[in-house]
Each structure stands twice: as structure tokens, then as C-alpha cells.
């Protein structure tokens, strides 16, 4: 398998994983809100909790993705394997 193919597979896999992580975090944060603050705060619209849950999920997934990528880079010789070193 060529470096280009490995790189494209890695990018596709990382993108899918990041999207799934964001969806999972969004659902988790929204469920946590509905079990805690949602019981006490009676809002007329659910737009604000949904917006804040989505923003929190995006931020958390970005931080988790960054940490996971750092660990992945240390575990294997990422730069040589994916062609960033000559």
C-alpha cells in the first residue's frame, strides 16, 4: 500500500471517528442536561440547550481528537509511515 493510500485511509477513518465522537458527545451532553438542569429549568424553547450541547460536543471532540492523535503519533512512527519525513 502506498503512502498516499495509507494517508487517505487514515484521514477517512479519523474523520468518521471524529464525527461519531461528536455525535456521541452531543447525545451524552444533551441527555445529561435533560436529567439534571432540564428538570429544574423550564425553558419555553430547547434551542439554547441544544446549541450549547452541540458547541460543547464540538469543543470536547476536538480536544479528545488532538490528544488521541498525539498518542497515536508517539505509538507508531507516524511521520515516516505516512510520508511526512524524507
C-alpha atoms as a PDB file:
ATOM      1  CA  UNK A   1       0.000   0.000   0.000  1.00  0.00           C
ATOM      2  CA  UNK A   2       1.381   3.368  -0.961  1.00  0.00           C
ATOM      3  CA  UNK A   3       1.865   6.284   1.393  1.00  0.00           C
ATOM      4  CA  UNK A   4      -0.865   8.207  -0.364  1.00  0.00           C
ATOM      5  CA  UNK A   5      -3.359   5.371   0.092  1.00  0.00           C
ATOM      6  CA  UNK A   6      -2.410   4.997   3.772  1.00  0.00           C
ATOM      7  CA  UNK A   7      -2.793   8.731   4.271  1.00  0.00           C
ATOM      8  CA  UNK A   8      -6.207   8.806   2.584  1.00  0.00           C
ATOM      9  CA  UNK A   9      -7.392   5.821   4.626  1.00  0.00           C
ATOM     10  CA  UNK A  10      -6.148   7.440   7.811  1.00  0.00           C
ATOM     11  CA  UNK A  11      -7.892  10.725   7.008  1.00  0.00           C
ATOM     12  CA  UNK A  12     -11.147   8.954   6.143  1.00  0.00           C
ATOM     13  CA  UNK A  13     -11.012   6.859   9.305  1.00  0.00           C
ATOM     14  CA  UNK A  14     -10.108   9.810  11.508  1.00  0.00           C
ATOM     15  CA  UNK A  15     -12.919  11.891  10.023  1.00  0.00           C
ATOM     16  CA  UNK A  16     -15.510   9.167  10.607  1.00  0.00           C
ATOM     17  CA  UNK A  17     -14.233   8.630  14.155  1.00  0.00           C
ATOM     18  CA  UNK A  18     -14.369  12.355  14.889  1.00  0.00           C
ATOM     19  CA  UNK A  19     -17.925  12.646  13.561  1.00  0.00           C
ATOM     20  CA  UNK A  20     -19.067   9.648  15.615  1.00  0.00           C
ATOM     21  CA  UNK A  21     -17.344  11.059  18.695  1.00  0.00           C
ATOM     22  CA  UNK A  22     -19.068  14.418  18.193  1.00  0.00           C
ATOM     23  CA  UNK A  23     -22.477  12.764  17.795  1.00  0.00           C
ATOM     24  CA  UNK A  24     -21.936  10.630  20.886  1.00  0.00           C
ATOM     25  CA  UNK A  25     -20.801  13.580  22.980  1.00  0.00           C
ATOM     26  CA  UNK A  26     -23.724  15.684  21.756  1.00  0.00           C
ATOM     27  CA  UNK A  27     -26.224  12.997  22.724  1.00  0.00           C
ATOM     28  CA  UNK A  28     -24.484  12.449  26.052  1.00  0.00           C
ATOM     29  CA  UNK A  29     -24.347  16.124  26.983  1.00  0.00           C
ATOM     30  CA  UNK A  30     -27.977  16.630  25.951  1.00  0.00           C
ATOM     31  CA  UNK A  31     -29.055  13.570  27.965  1.00  0.00           C
ATOM     32  CA  UNK A  32     -27.082  14.817  30.959  1.00  0.00           C
ATOM     33  CA  UNK A  33     -28.796  18.192  30.659  1.00  0.00           C
ATOM     34  CA  UNK A  34     -32.235  16.621  30.449  1.00  0.00           C
ATOM     35  CA  UNK A  35     -31.566  14.512  33.546  1.00  0.00           C
ATOM     36  CA  UNK A  36     -30.168  17.380  35.621  1.00  0.00           C
ATOM     37  CA  UNK A  37     -30.810  21.011  34.688  1.00  0.00           C
ATOM     38  CA  UNK A  38     -33.713  20.187  32.415  1.00  0.00           C
ATOM     39  CA  UNK A  39     -35.690  19.080  35.449  1.00  0.00           C
ATOM     40  CA  UNK A  40     -35.254  22.434  37.182  1.00  0.00           C
ATOM     41  CA  UNK A  41     -35.093  24.945  34.332  1.00  0.00           C
ATOM     42  CA  UNK A  42     -38.366  25.061  32.474  1.00  0.00           C
ATOM     43  CA  UNK A  43     -37.462  26.787  29.218  1.00  0.00           C
ATOM     44  CA  UNK A  44     -40.014  27.581  26.532  1.00  0.00           C
ATOM     45  CA  UNK A  45     -37.586  26.569  23.801  1.00  0.00           C
ATOM     46  CA  UNK A  46     -34.983  23.845  23.700  1.00  0.00           C
ATOM     47  CA  UNK A  47     -32.829  25.811  21.254  1.00  0.00           C
ATOM     48  CA  UNK A  48     -30.359  27.130  23.837  1.00  0.00           C
ATOM     49  CA  UNK A  49     -29.616  23.750  25.468  1.00  0.00           C
ATOM     50  CA  UNK A  50     -29.268  22.130  22.048  1.00  0.00           C
ATOM     51  CA  UNK A  51     -26.928  24.875  20.832  1.00  0.00           C
ATOM     52  CA  UNK A  52     -24.784  24.730  23.966  1.00  0.00           C
ATOM     53  CA  UNK A  53     -24.695  20.926  23.839  1.00  0.00           C
ATOM     54  CA  UNK A  54     -23.578  20.995  20.222  1.00  0.00           C
ATOM     55  CA  UNK A  55     -20.881  23.613  20.876  1.00  0.00           C
ATOM     56  CA  UNK A  56     -19.650  21.644  23.889  1.00  0.00           C
ATOM     57  CA  UNK A  57     -19.572  18.429  21.871  1.00  0.00           C
ATOM     58  CA  UNK A  58     -17.550  20.048  19.080  1.00  0.00           C
ATOM     59  CA  UNK A  59     -15.048  21.528  21.526  1.00  0.00           C
ATOM     60  CA  UNK A  60     -14.695  18.297  23.525  1.00  0.00           C
ATOM     61  CA  UNK A  61     -14.357  16.129  20.426  1.00  0.00           C
ATOM     62  CA  UNK A  62     -11.657  18.437  19.072  1.00  0.00           C
ATOM     63  CA  UNK A  63      -9.691  18.222  22.321  1.00  0.00           C
ATOM     64  CA  UNK A  64     -10.096  14.429  22.524  1.00  0.00           C
ATOM     65  CA  UNK A  65      -9.116  14.050  18.850  1.00  0.00           C
ATOM     66  CA  UNK A  66      -5.999  16.146  19.400  1.00  0.00           C
ATOM     67  CA  UNK A  67      -4.939  14.084  22.446  1.00  0.00           C
ATOM     68  CA  UNK A  68      -5.643  10.802  20.642  1.00  0.00           C
ATOM     69  CA  UNK A  69      -3.615  11.920  17.632  1.00  0.00           C
ATOM     70  CA  UNK A  70      -0.675  12.881  19.864  1.00  0.00           C
ATOM     71  CA  UNK A  71      -0.725   9.420  21.484  1.00  0.00           C
ATOM     72  CA  UNK A  72      -1.047   7.765  18.075  1.00  0.00           C
ATOM     73  CA  UNK A  73       1.937   9.722  16.760  1.00  0.00           C
ATOM     74  CA  UNK A  74       4.051   8.586  19.714  1.00  0.00           C
ATOM     75  CA  UNK A  75       2.935   4.956  19.458  1.00  0.00           C
ATOM     76  CA  UNK A  76       3.993   4.483  15.838  1.00  0.00           C
ATOM     77  CA  UNK A  77       6.451   6.353  13.670  1.00  0.00           C
ATOM     78  CA  UNK A  78       3.609   8.392  12.214  1.00  0.00           C
ATOM     79  CA  UNK A  79       5.694  10.815  10.156  1.00  0.00           C
ATOM     80  CA  UNK A  80       7.718   8.113   8.411  1.00  0.00           C
ATOM     81  CA  UNK A  81       4.743   5.808   7.859  1.00  0.00           C
ATOM     82  CA  UNK A  82       2.555   8.482   6.297  1.00  0.00           C
ATOM     83  CA  UNK A  83       5.322  10.166   4.324  1.00  0.00           C
ATOM     84  CA  UNK A  84       5.954  13.372   6.223  1.00  0.00           C
ATOM     85  CA  UNK A  85       9.659  12.540   6.677  1.00  0.00           C
ATOM     86  CA  UNK A  86      12.073  12.120   3.824  1.00  0.00           C
END
